[in-house]
Each structure stands twice: as structure tokens, then as C-alpha cells.
PDB file of N, CA and C in Angstrom:
ATOM      1  N   MET A   1     118.454-142.057-110.892  1.00  0.00           N
ATOM      2  CA  MET A   1     119.152-140.793-110.885  1.00  0.00           C
ATOM      3  C   MET A   1     120.635-141.053-111.126  1.00  0.00           C
ATOM      4  N   ALA A   2     121.183-140.478-112.139  1.00  0.00           N
ATOM      5  CA  ALA A   2     122.582-140.682-112.502  1.00  0.00           C
ATOM      6  C   ALA A   2     123.493-139.815-111.633  1.00  0.00           C
ATOM      7  N   PRO A   3     124.683-140.341-111.327  1.00  0.00           N
ATOM      8  CA  PRO A   3     125.625-139.539-110.535  1.00  0.00           C
ATOM      9  C   PRO A   3     126.139-138.353-111.352  1.00  0.00           C
ATOM     10  N   GLY A   4     126.328-137.243-110.679  1.00  0.00           N
ATOM     11  CA  GLY A   4     126.808-136.043-111.345  1.00  0.00           C
ATOM     12  C   GLY A   4     128.316-136.079-111.541  1.00  0.00           C
ATOM     13  N   PRO A   5     128.848-135.103-112.252  1.00  0.00           N
ATOM     14  CA  PRO A   5     130.284-135.061-112.524  1.00  0.00           C
ATOM     15  C   PRO A   5     131.132-134.972-111.255  1.00  0.00           C
ATOM     16  N   LEU A   6     130.654-134.221-110.268  1.00  0.00           N
ATOM     17  CA  LEU A   6     131.405-134.090-109.022  1.00  0.00           C
ATOM     18  C   LEU A   6     131.482-135.437-108.297  1.00  0.00           C
ATOM     19  N   SER A   7     130.390-136.190-108.308  1.00  0.00           N
ATOM     20  CA  SER A   7     130.382-137.512-107.677  1.00  0.00           C
ATOM     21  C   SER A   7     131.380-138.444-108.355  1.00  0.00           C
ATOM     22  N   LEU A   8     131.419-138.403-109.678  1.00  0.00           N
ATOM     23  CA  LEU A   8     132.349-139.269-110.405  1.00  0.00           C
ATOM     24  C   LEU A   8     133.804-138.892-110.109  1.00  0.00           C
ATOM     25  N   ILE A   9     134.085-137.611-109.973  1.00  0.00           N
ATOM     26  CA  ILE A   9     135.441-137.170-109.651  1.00  0.00           C
ATOM     27  C   ILE A   9     135.832-137.648-108.256  1.00  0.00           C
ATOM     28  N   ILE A  10     134.918-137.524-107.303  1.00  0.00           N
ATOM     29  CA  ILE A  10     135.200-137.981-105.935  1.00  0.00           C
ATOM     30  C   ILE A  10     135.432-139.484-105.914  1.00  0.00           C
ATOM     31  N   ILE A  11     134.614-140.250-106.632  1.00  0.00           N
ATOM     32  CA  ILE A  11     134.791-141.703-106.702  1.00  0.00           C
ATOM     33  C   ILE A  11     136.151-142.036-107.317  1.00  0.00           C
ATOM     34  N   GLY A  12     136.541-141.318-108.358  1.00  0.00           N
ATOM     35  CA  GLY A  12     137.848-141.543-108.993  1.00  0.00           C
ATOM     36  C   GLY A  12     138.995-141.259-108.050  1.00  0.00           C
ATOM     37  N   ILE A  13     138.902-140.186-107.283  1.00  0.00           N
ATOM     38  CA  ILE A  13     139.965-139.847-106.331  1.00  0.00           C
ATOM     39  C   ILE A  13     140.061-140.887-105.226  1.00  0.00           C
ATOM     40  N   VAL A  14     138.924-141.328-104.706  1.00  0.00           N
ATOM     41  CA  VAL A  14     138.916-142.351-103.665  1.00  0.00           C
ATOM     42  C   VAL A  14     139.512-143.654-104.201  1.00  0.00           C
ATOM     43  N   ALA A  15     139.140-144.037-105.422  1.00  0.00           N
ATOM     44  CA  ALA A  15     139.690-145.254-106.024  1.00  0.00           C
ATOM     45  C   ALA A  15     141.198-145.131-106.207  1.00  0.00           C
ATOM     46  N   LEU A  16     141.667-143.966-106.609  1.00  0.00           N
ATOM     47  CA  LEU A  16     143.092-143.734-106.777  1.00  0.00           C
ATOM     48  C   LEU A  16     143.820-143.848-105.446  1.00  0.00           C
ATOM     49  N   LEU A  17     143.223-143.321-104.395  1.00  0.00           N
ATOM     50  CA  LEU A  17     143.840-143.409-103.072  1.00  0.00           C
ATOM     51  C   LEU A  17     143.868-144.844-102.547  1.00  0.00           C
ATOM     52  N   ILE A  18     142.801-145.588-102.809  1.00  0.00           N
ATOM     53  CA  ILE A  18     142.717-146.960-102.289  1.00  0.00           C
ATOM     54  C   ILE A  18     143.639-147.901-103.073  1.00  0.00           C
ATOM     55  N   PHE A  19     143.580-147.869-104.383  1.00  0.00           N
ATOM     56  CA  PHE A  19     144.292-148.843-105.193  1.00  0.00           C
ATOM     57  C   PHE A  19     145.660-148.367-105.668  1.00  0.00           C
ATOM     58  N   GLY A  20     145.867-147.087-105.745  1.00  0.00           N
ATOM     59  CA  GLY A  20     147.152-146.559-106.198  1.00  0.00           C
ATOM     60  C   GLY A  20     147.203-146.440-107.710  1.00  0.00           C
ATOM     61  N   PRO A  21     148.137-145.603-108.184  1.00  0.00           N
ATOM     62  CA  PRO A  21     148.208-145.346-109.624  1.00  0.00           C
ATOM     63  C   PRO A  21     148.700-146.535-110.449  1.00  0.00           C
ATOM     64  N   LYS A  22     149.398-147.479-109.848  1.00  0.00           N
ATOM     65  CA  LYS A  22     149.892-148.637-110.613  1.00  0.00           C
ATOM     66  C   LYS A  22     148.820-149.701-110.799  1.00  0.00           C
ATOM     67  N   LYS A  23     147.971-149.871-109.816  1.00  0.00           N
ATOM     68  CA  LYS A  23     146.960-150.927-109.859  1.00  0.00           C
ATOM     69  C   LYS A  23     145.696-150.499-110.600  1.00  0.00           C
ATOM     70  N   LEU A  24     145.412-149.218-110.626  1.00  0.00           N
ATOM     71  CA  LEU A  24     144.167-148.711-111.206  1.00  0.00           C
ATOM     72  C   LEU A  24     144.010-149.042-112.698  1.00  0.00           C
ATOM     73  N   PRO A  25     145.048-148.899-113.545  1.00  0.00           N
ATOM     74  CA  PRO A  25     144.877-149.294-114.954  1.00  0.00           C
ATOM     75  C   PRO A  25     144.602-150.787-115.136  1.00  0.00           C
ATOM     76  N   GLU A  26     145.197-151.618-114.287  1.00  0.00           N
ATOM     77  CA  GLU A  26     144.942-153.063-114.358  1.00  0.00           C
ATOM     78  C   GLU A  26     143.488-153.366-114.023  1.00  0.00           C
ATOM     79  N   LEU A  27     142.965-152.682-113.014  1.00  0.00           N
ATOM     80  CA  LEU A  27     141.560-152.883-112.642  1.00  0.00           C
ATOM     81  C   LEU A  27     140.625-152.418-113.753  1.00  0.00           C
ATOM     82  N   GLY A  28     140.968-151.300-114.370  1.00  0.00           N
ATOM     83  CA  GLY A  28     140.158-150.802-115.481  1.00  0.00           C
ATOM     84  C   GLY A  28     140.151-151.761-116.659  1.00  0.00           C
ATOM     85  N   LYS A  29     141.322-152.319-116.949  1.00  0.00           N
ATOM     86  CA  LYS A  29     141.424-153.277-118.050  1.00  0.00           C
ATOM     87  C   LYS A  29     140.608-154.536-117.749  1.00  0.00           C
ATOM     88  N   ALA A  30     140.707-155.030-116.515  1.00  0.00           N
ATOM     89  CA  ALA A  30     139.947-156.225-116.125  1.00  0.00           C
ATOM     90  C   ALA A  30     138.442-155.945-116.179  1.00  0.00           C
ATOM     91  N   PHE A  31     138.042-154.773-115.718  1.00  0.00           N
ATOM     92  CA  PHE A  31     136.621-154.412-115.755  1.00  0.00           C
ATOM     93  C   PHE A  31     136.127-154.318-117.194  1.00  0.00           C
ATOM     94  N   GLY A  32     136.934-153.717-118.059  1.00  0.00           N
ATOM     95  CA  GLY A  32     136.553-153.582-119.463  1.00  0.00           C
ATOM     96  C   GLY A  32     136.410-154.923-120.160  1.00  0.00           C
ATOM     97  N   SER A  33     137.338-155.835-119.903  1.00  0.00           N
ATOM     98  CA  SER A  33     137.249-157.150-120.543  1.00  0.00           C
ATOM     99  C   SER A  33     136.065-157.940-119.993  1.00  0.00           C
ATOM    100  N   SER A  34     135.787-157.797-118.704  1.00  0.00           N
ATOM    101  CA  SER A  34     134.618-158.474-118.130  1.00  0.00           C
ATOM    102  C   SER A  34     133.327-157.939-118.728  1.00  0.00           C
ATOM    103  N   LEU A  35     133.258-156.624-118.878  1.00  0.00           N
ATOM    104  CA  LEU A  35     132.071-156.010-119.472  1.00  0.00           C
ATOM    105  C   LEU A  35     131.895-156.447-120.921  1.00  0.00           C
ATOM    106  N   ARG A  36     132.996-156.528-121.668  1.00  0.00           N
ATOM    107  CA  ARG A  36     132.937-156.962-123.065  1.00  0.00           C
ATOM    108  C   ARG A  36     132.450-158.411-123.160  1.00  0.00           C
ATOM    109  N   GLU A  37     132.958-159.273-122.267  1.00  0.00           N
ATOM    110  CA  GLU A  37     132.542-160.673-122.268  1.00  0.00           C
ATOM    111  C   GLU A  37     131.056-160.800-121.927  1.00  0.00           C
ATOM    112  N   PHE A  38     130.598-160.023-120.959  1.00  0.00           N
ATOM    113  CA  PHE A  38     129.187-160.044-120.586  1.00  0.00           C
ATOM    114  C   PHE A  38     128.312-159.589-121.745  1.00  0.00           C
ATOM    115  N   LYS A  39     128.750-158.538-122.430  1.00  0.00           N
ATOM    116  CA  LYS A  39     127.997-158.021-123.580  1.00  0.00           C
ATOM    117  C   LYS A  39     127.897-159.068-124.689  1.00  0.00           C
ATOM    118  N   ASN A  40     129.006-159.750-124.952  1.00  0.00           N
ATOM    119  CA  ASN A  40     128.999-160.784-125.985  1.00  0.00           C
ATOM    120  C   ASN A  40     128.085-161.939-125.593  1.00  0.00           C
ATOM    121  N   ALA A  41     128.090-162.295-124.307  1.00  0.00           N
ATOM    122  CA  ALA A  41     127.230-163.393-123.850  1.00  0.00           C
ATOM    123  C   ALA A  41     125.761-163.022-123.979  1.00  0.00           C
ATOM    124  N   THR A  42     125.404-161.798-123.601  1.00  0.00           N
ATOM    125  CA  THR A  42     124.004-161.402-123.712  1.00  0.00           C
ATOM    126  C   THR A  42     123.589-161.258-125.170  1.00  0.00           C
ATOM    127  N   LYS A  43     124.510-160.834-126.021  1.00  0.00           N
ATOM    128  CA  LYS A  43     124.206-160.752-127.444  1.00  0.00           C
ATOM    129  C   LYS A  43     123.976-162.154-127.997  1.00  0.00           C
ATOM    130  N   GLY A  44     124.763-163.118-127.534  1.00  0.00           N
ATOM    131  CA  GLY A  44     124.584-164.500-127.955  1.00  0.00           C
ATOM    132  C   GLY A  44     123.226-165.034-127.541  1.00  0.00           C
ATOM    133  N   LEU A  45     122.786-164.674-126.337  1.00  0.00           N
ATOM    134  CA  LEU A  45     121.469-165.115-125.883  1.00  0.00           C
ATOM    135  C   LEU A  45     120.368-164.501-126.734  1.00  0.00           C
ATOM    136  N   ALA A  46     120.515-163.237-127.068  1.00  0.00           N
ATOM    137  CA  ALA A  46     119.518-162.570-127.902  1.00  0.00           C
ATOM    138  C   ALA A  46     119.492-163.196-129.300  1.00  0.00           C
ATOM    139  N   ASP A  47     120.672-163.534-129.828  1.00  0.00           N
ATOM    140  CA  ASP A  47     120.730-164.186-131.139  1.00  0.00           C
ATOM    141  C   ASP A  47     120.072-165.557-131.094  1.00  0.00           C
ATOM    142  N   ASP A  48     120.267-166.296-129.975  1.00  0.00           N
ATOM    143  CA  ASP A  48     119.627-167.597-129.823  1.00  0.00           C
ATOM    144  C   ASP A  48     118.113-167.457-129.816  1.00  0.00           C
ATOM    145  N   ASP A  49     117.606-166.418-129.146  1.00  0.00           N
ATOM    146  CA  ASP A  49     116.163-166.180-129.110  1.00  0.00           C
ATOM    147  C   ASP A  49     115.633-165.907-130.512  1.00  0.00           C
ATOM    148  N   GLU A  50     116.359-165.109-131.279  1.00  0.00           N
ATOM    149  CA  GLU A  50     115.950-164.812-132.653  1.00  0.00           C
ATOM    150  C   GLU A  50     115.956-166.086-133.498  1.00  0.00           C
ATOM    151  N   ASP A  51     116.968-166.939-133.307  1.00  0.00           N
ATOM    152  CA  ASP A  51     117.035-168.199-134.049  1.00  0.00           C
ATOM    153  C   ASP A  51     115.841-169.087-133.703  1.00  0.00           C
ATOM    154  N   ASP A  52     115.483-169.132-132.414  1.00  0.00           N
ATOM    155  CA  ASP A  52     114.346-169.942-131.983  1.00  0.00           C
ATOM    156  C   ASP A  52     113.043-169.438-132.614  1.00  0.00           C
ATOM    157  N   LYS A  53     112.863-168.115-132.632  1.00  0.00           N
ATOM    158  CA  LYS A  53     111.654-167.539-133.224  1.00  0.00           C
ATOM    159  C   LYS A  53     111.585-167.844-134.714  1.00  0.00           C
ATOM    160  N   THR A  54     112.726-167.750-135.397  1.00  0.00           N
ATOM    161  CA  THR A  54     112.768-168.024-136.829  1.00  0.00           C
ATOM    162  C   THR A  54     112.467-169.495-137.103  1.00  0.00           C
ATOM    163  N   ALA A  55     113.038-170.378-136.261  1.00  0.00           N
ATOM    164  CA  ALA A  55     112.794-171.808-136.443  1.00  0.00           C
ATOM    165  C   ALA A  55     111.317-172.143-136.230  1.00  0.00           C
ATOM    166  N   LYS A  56     110.703-171.558-135.215  1.00  0.00           N
ATOM    167  CA  LYS A  56     109.287-171.823-134.953  1.00  0.00           C
ATOM    168  C   LYS A  56     108.419-171.315-136.102  1.00  0.00           C
ATOM    169  N   LYS A  57     108.768-170.143-136.619  1.00  0.00           N
ATOM    170  CA  LYS A  57     108.000-169.580-137.726  1.00  0.00           C
ATOM    171  C   LYS A  57     108.119-170.476-138.956  1.00  0.00           C
ATOM    172  N   ASN A  58     109.319-170.977-139.223  1.00  0.00           N
ATOM    173  CA  ASN A  58     109.526-171.871-140.363  1.00  0.00           C
ATOM    174  C   ASN A  58     108.751-173.165-140.190  1.00  0.00           C
ATOM    175  N   ASP A  59     108.710-173.698-138.959  1.00  0.00           N
ATOM    176  CA  ASP A  59     107.949-174.913-138.699  1.00  0.00           C
ATOM    177  C   ASP A  59     106.464-174.683-138.945  1.00  0.00           C
ATOM    178  N   LEU A  60     105.963-173.531-138.498  1.00  0.00           N
ATOM    179  CA  LEU A  60     104.546-173.226-138.718  1.00  0.00           C
ATOM    180  C   LEU A  60     104.242-173.052-140.204  1.00  0.00           C
ATOM    181  N   ASP A  61     105.151-172.429-140.939  1.00  0.00           N
ATOM    182  CA  ASP A  61     104.957-172.234-142.363  1.00  0.00           C
ATOM    183  C   ASP A  61     104.933-173.588-143.088  1.00  0.00           C
ATOM    184  N   LYS A  62     105.787-174.505-142.673  1.00  0.00           N
ATOM    185  CA  LYS A  62     105.817-175.832-143.304  1.00  0.00           C
ATOM    186  C   LYS A  62     104.539-176.594-143.017  1.00  0.00           C
ATOM    187  N   LYS A  63     104.012-176.460-141.774  1.00  0.00           N
ATOM    188  CA  LYS A  63     102.774-177.138-141.430  1.00  0.00           C
ATOM    189  C   LYS A  63     101.609-176.586-142.251  1.00  0.00           C
ATOM    190  N   ASP A  64     101.604-175.266-142.462  1.00  0.00           N
ATOM    191  CA  ASP A  64     100.548-174.640-143.257  1.00  0.00           C
ATOM    192  C   ASP A  64     100.612-175.099-144.719  1.00  0.00           C
ATOM    193  N   GLU A  65     101.791-175.339-145.248  1.00  0.00           N
ATOM    194  CA  GLU A  65     101.937-175.771-146.626  1.00  0.00           C
ATOM    195  C   GLU A  65     101.408-177.182-146.837  1.00  0.00           C
ATOM    196  N   HIS A  66     101.525-178.034-145.788  1.00  0.00           N
ATOM    197  CA  HIS A  66     101.082-179.418-145.904  1.00  0.00           C
ATOM    198  C   HIS A  66      99.569-179.551-145.794  1.00  0.00           C
ATOM    199  N   LYS A  67      98.888-178.545-145.347  1.00  0.00           N
ATOM    200  CA  LYS A  67      97.429-178.628-145.184  1.00  0.00           C
ATOM    201  C   LYS A  67      96.720-178.457-146.480  1.00  0.00           C
TER     202      LYS A  67
END
């Protein structure tokens, strides 16, 4: 169940009260860069899986050609 708009507004106000208006943009920037790095890492893992599947398929094709 996704949080509604009112919940997000309340969370934003609480975060503003806790961290203050000067610290909040820094936290957002750090969160964004962390999320971007995580996304790139998971994309790299998915690309590695695709490379492995392609390599295995090529190996099987070569074995079939030698028969």
C-alpha cells in the first residue's frame, strides 16, 4: 500500500523540523547520489548476467558445430 499525499506532506514537514532547511537539500543530494550508484550497480549485475547467458549460448553453439 503506497503512502498517500497527506502522509508524504507530513513526512516532509517532520523532516524539515528535524533537519532544518539548510541540511535538507544536502540530505536529498546524498540520497539521490546513493540511489543512482545503487541503480548503476544493479544494472551492471544484470548486464553481467546477460553476458554470462550469451557466453554459455555461444559455447553450446560451438559444441554443436563440432559434432
